[in-house]
Amino acid sequence: MATDRKPSVRSARAGFWRQLPFFIWLVAVWMMLWGQFTVLALVTGIAVAIFVTVVFRLPPVELSGRLNPGWLIVFVLQFLVALVRGSLIVAWQVLDPRRQPGVAIIAVPLATDDDLIMAHVGVTASLIPGSLVLETDRDRRVIYLHVLGVRSDAEVEHHRRAVQLWELRLVRAVGSRAQLAAVRAAQERHVEHAGRRGEGGAA
């Protein structure tokens, strides 16, 4: 009996540590959704995360097992900067009497084949003012966004690349090495494609 109990305790501990980053992310998303970083928001976020992960008995989320604290801090800081910047841009677009901000629905293909990364990219893009996820195509790994302040093809591409850059930042923080290699390869292809288009336009 004691022998059988030890492996179960070890597996429970291993499962706890595997799910801990996801649990912390749920609490962080709760606080960001409410826009409050207070003790009350933290306590209610923990309660909601426990309710979601325990009461609903969702299947365990298999994380990559790789966590880079340095890149995670960089991601959080970049997200906070993007949050403030997006709020200021949207406020200016609303208050500017000279023109109405253009809108567009943009398809953003992702490089990683991972549901959790896709969900995190979608949540990050939606939390930044000016963009909202309308739909996700899991099979094709495409996120469809409604974006405010788009008036040209160049601006469409700029917003698409911005979301793909968030994917790279997330994968650097919590993704596997294989996912990181896939995202970097996709980024290199985008740069090469943009360079060929630039050369074609110059010609």
C-alpha atoms as a PDB file:
ATOM      1  CA  MET A   1       0.000   0.000   0.000  1.00  0.00           C
ATOM      2  CA  ALA A   2       2.790   2.427   0.947  1.00  0.00           C
ATOM      3  CA  THR A   3       4.606   1.545  -2.264  1.00  0.00           C
ATOM      4  CA  ASP A   4       1.511   2.303  -4.363  1.00  0.00           C
ATOM      5  CA  ARG A   5       0.884   5.539  -2.511  1.00  0.00           C
ATOM      6  CA  LYS A   6       4.348   7.007  -3.232  1.00  0.00           C
ATOM      7  CA  PRO A   7       4.041   6.978  -7.044  1.00  0.00           C
ATOM      8  CA  SER A   8       0.575   8.534  -6.813  1.00  0.00           C
ATOM      9  CA  VAL A   9       1.898  11.303  -4.538  1.00  0.00           C
ATOM     10  CA  ARG A  10       4.807  11.911  -6.919  1.00  0.00           C
ATOM     11  CA  SER A  11       2.527  12.045  -9.946  1.00  0.00           C
ATOM     12  CA  ALA A  12       0.202  14.461  -8.118  1.00  0.00           C
ATOM     13  CA  ARG A  13       3.135  16.721  -7.290  1.00  0.00           C
ATOM     14  CA  ALA A  14       4.437  16.537 -10.853  1.00  0.00           C
ATOM     15  CA  GLY A  15       0.969  17.384 -12.179  1.00  0.00           C
ATOM     16  CA  PHE A  16       0.744  20.322  -9.781  1.00  0.00           C
ATOM     17  CA  TRP A  17       4.047  21.810 -10.943  1.00  0.00           C
ATOM     18  CA  ARG A  18       3.133  21.241 -14.607  1.00  0.00           C
ATOM     19  CA  GLN A  19      -0.176  23.063 -14.176  1.00  0.00           C
ATOM     20  CA  LEU A  20       1.145  25.856 -11.938  1.00  0.00           C
ATOM     21  CA  PRO A  21       2.158  28.213 -14.831  1.00  0.00           C
ATOM     22  CA  PHE A  22      -1.294  27.735 -16.400  1.00  0.00           C
ATOM     23  CA  PHE A  23      -2.948  28.448 -13.025  1.00  0.00           C
ATOM     24  CA  ILE A  24      -0.898  31.647 -12.609  1.00  0.00           C
ATOM     25  CA  TRP A  25      -1.802  32.677 -16.171  1.00  0.00           C
ATOM     26  CA  LEU A  26      -5.523  32.264 -15.406  1.00  0.00           C
ATOM     27  CA  VAL A  27      -5.167  34.541 -12.369  1.00  0.00           C
ATOM     28  CA  ALA A  28      -3.230  37.112 -14.428  1.00  0.00           C
ATOM     29  CA  VAL A  29      -5.838  37.077 -17.199  1.00  0.00           C
ATOM     30  CA  TRP A  30      -8.602  37.582 -14.623  1.00  0.00           C
ATOM     31  CA  MET A  31      -6.825  40.628 -13.190  1.00  0.00           C
ATOM     32  CA  MET A  32      -6.120  42.067 -16.651  1.00  0.00           C
ATOM     33  CA  LEU A  33      -9.734  41.593 -17.727  1.00  0.00           C
ATOM     34  CA  TRP A  34     -10.890  43.636 -14.746  1.00  0.00           C
ATOM     35  CA  GLY A  35      -8.028  46.101 -15.120  1.00  0.00           C
ATOM     36  CA  GLN A  36      -7.274  45.876 -11.410  1.00  0.00           C
ATOM     37  CA  PHE A  37      -4.049  44.694  -9.798  1.00  0.00           C
ATOM     38  CA  THR A  38      -5.294  44.689  -6.211  1.00  0.00           C
ATOM     39  CA  VAL A  39      -5.425  42.146  -3.392  1.00  0.00           C
ATOM     40  CA  LEU A  40      -9.171  41.680  -3.985  1.00  0.00           C
ATOM     41  CA  ALA A  41      -8.606  41.006  -7.698  1.00  0.00           C
ATOM     42  CA  LEU A  42      -5.837  38.540  -6.812  1.00  0.00           C
ATOM     43  CA  VAL A  43      -8.003  36.650  -4.303  1.00  0.00           C
ATOM     44  CA  THR A  44     -11.018  36.489  -6.641  1.00  0.00           C
ATOM     45  CA  GLY A  45      -8.727  35.448  -9.510  1.00  0.00           C
ATOM     46  CA  ILE A  46      -7.348  32.566  -7.453  1.00  0.00           C
ATOM     47  CA  ALA A  47     -10.905  31.530  -6.523  1.00  0.00           C
ATOM     48  CA  VAL A  48     -12.006  31.590 -10.179  1.00  0.00           C
ATOM     49  CA  ALA A  49      -8.914  29.650 -11.285  1.00  0.00           C
ATOM     50  CA  ILE A  50      -9.572  26.973  -8.649  1.00  0.00           C
ATOM     51  CA  PHE A  51     -13.227  26.808  -9.671  1.00  0.00           C
ATOM     52  CA  VAL A  52     -12.349  26.418 -13.366  1.00  0.00           C
ATOM     53  CA  THR A  53      -9.594  23.845 -12.886  1.00  0.00           C
ATOM     54  CA  VAL A  54     -11.130  21.775 -10.065  1.00  0.00           C
ATOM     55  CA  VAL A  55     -14.922  22.049 -10.133  1.00  0.00           C
ATOM     56  CA  PHE A  56     -15.261  21.761 -13.906  1.00  0.00           C
ATOM     57  CA  ARG A  57     -12.638  18.968 -13.947  1.00  0.00           C
ATOM     58  CA  LEU A  58     -11.180  20.061 -17.267  1.00  0.00           C
ATOM     59  CA  PRO A  59      -8.646  17.743 -18.915  1.00  0.00           C
ATOM     60  CA  PRO A  60      -5.088  18.566 -17.839  1.00  0.00           C
ATOM     61  CA  VAL A  61      -3.282  21.038 -20.074  1.00  0.00           C
ATOM     62  CA  GLU A  62       0.022  19.613 -21.183  1.00  0.00           C
ATOM     63  CA  LEU A  63       2.534  22.426 -21.050  1.00  0.00           C
ATOM     64  CA  SER A  64       5.876  22.317 -22.806  1.00  0.00           C
ATOM     65  CA  GLY A  65       7.726  21.927 -19.510  1.00  0.00           C
ATOM     66  CA  ARG A  66       9.922  24.868 -20.465  1.00  0.00           C
ATOM     67  CA  LEU A  67       9.654  28.191 -18.672  1.00  0.00           C
ATOM     68  CA  ASN A  68      12.044  31.069 -19.288  1.00  0.00           C
ATOM     69  CA  PRO A  69      11.551  33.592 -16.456  1.00  0.00           C
ATOM     70  CA  GLY A  70      13.604  36.276 -18.217  1.00  0.00           C
ATOM     71  CA  TRP A  71      11.546  36.203 -21.413  1.00  0.00           C
ATOM     72  CA  LEU A  72       8.359  35.934 -19.328  1.00  0.00           C
ATOM     73  CA  ILE A  73       9.215  39.201 -17.579  1.00  0.00           C
ATOM     74  CA  VAL A  74      10.012  40.782 -20.940  1.00  0.00           C
ATOM     75  CA  PHE A  75       6.651  39.601 -22.282  1.00  0.00           C
ATOM     76  CA  VAL A  76       4.761  41.108 -19.321  1.00  0.00           C
ATOM     77  CA  LEU A  77       6.573  44.448 -19.658  1.00  0.00           C
ATOM     78  CA  GLN A  78       6.002  44.568 -23.429  1.00  0.00           C
ATOM     79  CA  PHE A  79       2.347  43.726 -22.895  1.00  0.00           C
ATOM     80  CA  LEU A  80       1.905  46.546 -20.364  1.00  0.00           C
ATOM     81  CA  VAL A  81       3.545  49.008 -22.765  1.00  0.00           C
ATOM     82  CA  ALA A  82       1.285  47.790 -25.607  1.00  0.00           C
ATOM     83  CA  LEU A  83      -1.736  48.123 -23.315  1.00  0.00           C
ATOM     84  CA  VAL A  84      -1.005  51.781 -22.543  1.00  0.00           C
ATOM     85  CA  ARG A  85      -0.022  52.565 -26.127  1.00  0.00           C
ATOM     86  CA  GLY A  86      -3.153  50.902 -27.528  1.00  0.00           C
ATOM     87  CA  SER A  87      -5.378  52.827 -25.100  1.00  0.00           C
ATOM     88  CA  LEU A  88      -3.829  56.142 -26.152  1.00  0.00           C
ATOM     89  CA  ILE A  89      -4.127  55.325 -29.865  1.00  0.00           C
ATOM     90  CA  VAL A  90      -7.787  54.291 -29.587  1.00  0.00           C
ATOM     91  CA  ALA A  91      -8.575  57.408 -27.523  1.00  0.00           C
ATOM     92  CA  TRP A  92      -6.969  59.613 -30.180  1.00  0.00           C
ATOM     93  CA  GLN A  93      -8.827  57.823 -32.986  1.00  0.00           C
ATOM     94  CA  VAL A  94     -12.126  58.410 -31.207  1.00  0.00           C
ATOM     95  CA  LEU A  95     -11.434  62.070 -30.435  1.00  0.00           C
ATOM     96  CA  ASP A  96      -9.846  63.014 -33.768  1.00  0.00           C
ATOM     97  CA  PRO A  97     -12.579  64.974 -35.635  1.00  0.00           C
ATOM     98  CA  ARG A  98     -10.734  65.014 -38.956  1.00  0.00           C
ATOM     99  CA  ARG A  99     -11.351  61.427 -39.983  1.00  0.00           C
ATOM    100  CA  GLN A 100     -13.053  58.207 -38.990  1.00  0.00           C
ATOM    101  CA  PRO A 101     -10.734  55.321 -38.104  1.00  0.00           C
ATOM    102  CA  GLY A 102     -10.825  52.524 -40.640  1.00  0.00           C
ATOM    103  CA  VAL A 103     -11.596  48.956 -39.611  1.00  0.00           C
ATOM    104  CA  ALA A 104     -10.659  45.591 -41.045  1.00  0.00           C
ATOM    105  CA  ILE A 105     -10.956  41.876 -40.372  1.00  0.00           C
ATOM    106  CA  ILE A 106      -7.502  40.325 -40.553  1.00  0.00           C
ATOM    107  CA  ALA A 107      -6.543  36.659 -40.812  1.00  0.00           C
ATOM    108  CA  VAL A 108      -3.366  35.924 -38.855  1.00  0.00           C
ATOM    109  CA  PRO A 109      -1.695  32.545 -39.532  1.00  0.00           C
ATOM    110  CA  LEU A 110       0.298  31.176 -36.610  1.00  0.00           C
ATOM    111  CA  ALA A 111       3.427  29.057 -36.799  1.00  0.00           C
ATOM    112  CA  THR A 112       2.845  26.775 -33.793  1.00  0.00           C
ATOM    113  CA  ASP A 113       0.422  23.860 -33.671  1.00  0.00           C
ATOM    114  CA  ASP A 114      -0.529  24.263 -30.016  1.00  0.00           C
ATOM    115  CA  ASP A 115      -3.985  25.054 -28.616  1.00  0.00           C
ATOM    116  CA  LEU A 116      -2.622  26.739 -25.493  1.00  0.00           C
ATOM    117  CA  ILE A 117      -0.282  29.051 -27.412  1.00  0.00           C
ATOM    118  CA  MET A 118      -3.110  29.927 -29.802  1.00  0.00           C
ATOM    119  CA  ALA A 119      -5.411  30.710 -26.880  1.00  0.00           C
ATOM    120  CA  HIS A 120      -2.773  32.889 -25.219  1.00  0.00           C
ATOM    121  CA  VAL A 121      -2.093  34.778 -28.457  1.00  0.00           C
ATOM    122  CA  GLY A 122      -5.823  35.375 -28.911  1.00  0.00           C
ATOM    123  CA  VAL A 123      -6.269  36.593 -25.322  1.00  0.00           C
ATOM    124  CA  THR A 124      -3.247  38.886 -25.599  1.00  0.00           C
ATOM    125  CA  ALA A 125      -4.458  40.392 -28.881  1.00  0.00           C
ATOM    126  CA  SER A 126      -7.966  40.914 -27.478  1.00  0.00           C
ATOM    127  CA  LEU A 127      -6.753  42.595 -24.282  1.00  0.00           C
ATOM    128  CA  ILE A 128      -4.809  45.225 -26.235  1.00  0.00           C
ATOM    129  CA  PRO A 129      -7.260  48.034 -27.151  1.00  0.00           C
ATOM    130  CA  GLY A 130      -8.014  48.303 -30.848  1.00  0.00           C
ATOM    131  CA  SER A 131      -8.264  44.607 -31.699  1.00  0.00           C
ATOM    132  CA  LEU A 132     -10.694  41.802 -30.910  1.00  0.00           C
ATOM    133  CA  VAL A 133     -10.623  38.103 -31.788  1.00  0.00           C
ATOM    134  CA  LEU A 134     -13.699  37.142 -33.815  1.00  0.00           C
ATOM    135  CA  GLU A 135     -12.921  33.518 -34.636  1.00  0.00           C
ATOM    136  CA  THR A 136     -10.169  30.926 -34.548  1.00  0.00           C
ATOM    137  CA  ASP A 137      -9.537  28.178 -37.083  1.00  0.00           C
ATOM    138  CA  ARG A 138      -7.797  25.456 -35.096  1.00  0.00           C
ATOM    139  CA  ASP A 139      -7.123  23.148 -38.059  1.00  0.00           C
ATOM    140  CA  ARG A 140      -5.478  25.861 -40.168  1.00  0.00           C
ATOM    141  CA  ARG A 141      -3.952  27.643 -37.140  1.00  0.00           C
ATOM    142  CA  VAL A 142      -5.488  30.992 -38.104  1.00  0.00           C
ATOM    143  CA  ILE A 143      -6.857  33.730 -35.829  1.00  0.00           C
ATOM    144  CA  TYR A 144      -9.343  36.244 -37.252  1.00  0.00           C
ATOM    145  CA  LEU A 145      -9.194  39.713 -35.704  1.00  0.00           C
ATOM    146  CA  HIS A 146     -11.369  42.807 -35.961  1.00  0.00           C
ATOM    147  CA  VAL A 147      -8.874  45.689 -35.940  1.00  0.00           C
ATOM    148  CA  LEU A 148      -9.506  49.403 -35.527  1.00  0.00           C
ATOM    149  CA  GLY A 149      -7.481  52.031 -37.341  1.00  0.00           C
ATOM    150  CA  VAL A 150      -6.643  50.267 -40.617  1.00  0.00           C
ATOM    151  CA  ARG A 151      -6.676  52.200 -43.900  1.00  0.00           C
ATOM    152  CA  SER A 152      -4.203  50.440 -46.207  1.00  0.00           C
ATOM    153  CA  ASP A 153      -2.725  47.052 -47.063  1.00  0.00           C
ATOM    154  CA  ALA A 154       0.486  48.109 -45.348  1.00  0.00           C
ATOM    155  CA  GLU A 155      -1.397  48.723 -42.087  1.00  0.00           C
ATOM    156  CA  VAL A 156      -3.138  45.352 -42.415  1.00  0.00           C
ATOM    157  CA  GLU A 157       0.242  43.660 -42.732  1.00  0.00           C
ATOM    158  CA  HIS A 158       1.576  45.694 -39.808  1.00  0.00           C
ATOM    159  CA  HIS A 159      -1.205  44.456 -37.514  1.00  0.00           C
ATOM    160  CA  ARG A 160      -0.785  40.871 -38.757  1.00  0.00           C
ATOM    161  CA  ARG A 161       2.944  40.952 -38.033  1.00  0.00           C
ATOM    162  CA  ALA A 162       2.275  42.483 -34.604  1.00  0.00           C
ATOM    163  CA  VAL A 163       0.126  39.478 -33.591  1.00  0.00           C
ATOM    164  CA  GLN A 164       2.704  37.038 -34.958  1.00  0.00           C
ATOM    165  CA  LEU A 165       5.318  38.861 -32.906  1.00  0.00           C
ATOM    166  CA  TRP A 166       3.212  38.212 -29.786  1.00  0.00           C
ATOM    167  CA  GLU A 167       3.284  34.528 -30.688  1.00  0.00           C
ATOM    168  CA  LEU A 168       7.088  34.657 -30.802  1.00  0.00           C
ATOM    169  CA  ARG A 169       7.226  36.410 -27.421  1.00  0.00           C
ATOM    170  CA  LEU A 170       4.924  33.840 -25.827  1.00  0.00           C
ATOM    171  CA  VAL A 171       6.824  30.891 -27.250  1.00  0.00           C
ATOM    172  CA  ARG A 172      10.126  32.354 -26.040  1.00  0.00           C
ATOM    173  CA  ALA A 173       8.620  32.546 -22.540  1.00  0.00           C
ATOM    174  CA  VAL A 174       6.701  29.262 -22.214  1.00  0.00           C
ATOM    175  CA  GLY A 175       6.999  27.314 -25.464  1.00  0.00           C
ATOM    176  CA  SER A 176       9.098  24.286 -26.317  1.00  0.00           C
ATOM    177  CA  ARG A 177      12.344  24.427 -28.282  1.00  0.00           C
ATOM    178  CA  ALA A 178      10.606  22.891 -31.304  1.00  0.00           C
ATOM    179  CA  GLN A 179       7.918  25.583 -31.183  1.00  0.00           C
ATOM    180  CA  LEU A 180      10.557  28.284 -30.872  1.00  0.00           C
ATOM    181  CA  ALA A 181      12.375  26.918 -33.932  1.00  0.00           C
ATOM    182  CA  ALA A 182       9.104  26.831 -35.918  1.00  0.00           C
ATOM    183  CA  VAL A 183       8.232  30.431 -35.027  1.00  0.00           C
ATOM    184  CA  ARG A 184      11.708  31.700 -35.841  1.00  0.00           C
ATOM    185  CA  ALA A 185      11.643  29.908 -39.196  1.00  0.00           C
ATOM    186  CA  ALA A 186       8.267  31.515 -39.966  1.00  0.00           C
ATOM    187  CA  GLN A 187       9.639  34.940 -38.984  1.00  0.00           C
ATOM    188  CA  GLU A 188      12.601  34.455 -41.326  1.00  0.00           C
ATOM    189  CA  ARG A 189      10.268  33.484 -44.170  1.00  0.00           C
ATOM    190  CA  HIS A 190       8.212  36.637 -43.576  1.00  0.00           C
ATOM    191  CA  VAL A 191      11.352  38.788 -43.698  1.00  0.00           C
ATOM    192  CA  GLU A 192      12.530  37.139 -46.914  1.00  0.00           C
ATOM    193  CA  HIS A 193       9.086  37.530 -48.482  1.00  0.00           C
ATOM    194  CA  ALA A 194       8.929  41.200 -47.483  1.00  0.00           C
ATOM    195  CA  GLY A 195      12.401  41.729 -48.932  1.00  0.00           C
ATOM    196  CA  ARG A 196      11.417  40.174 -52.266  1.00  0.00           C
ATOM    197  CA  ARG A 197       8.287  42.313 -52.407  1.00  0.00           C
ATOM    198  CA  GLY A 198      10.382  45.404 -51.689  1.00  0.00           C
ATOM    199  CA  GLU A 199      12.787  44.521 -54.467  1.00  0.00           C
ATOM    200  CA  GLY A 200       9.885  43.910 -56.848  1.00  0.00           C
ATOM    201  CA  GLY A 201       8.347  47.278 -55.961  1.00  0.00           C
ATOM    202  CA  ALA A 202      11.675  49.056 -56.446  1.00  0.00           C
ATOM    203  CA  ALA A 203      12.111  47.412 -59.832  1.00  0.00           C
END
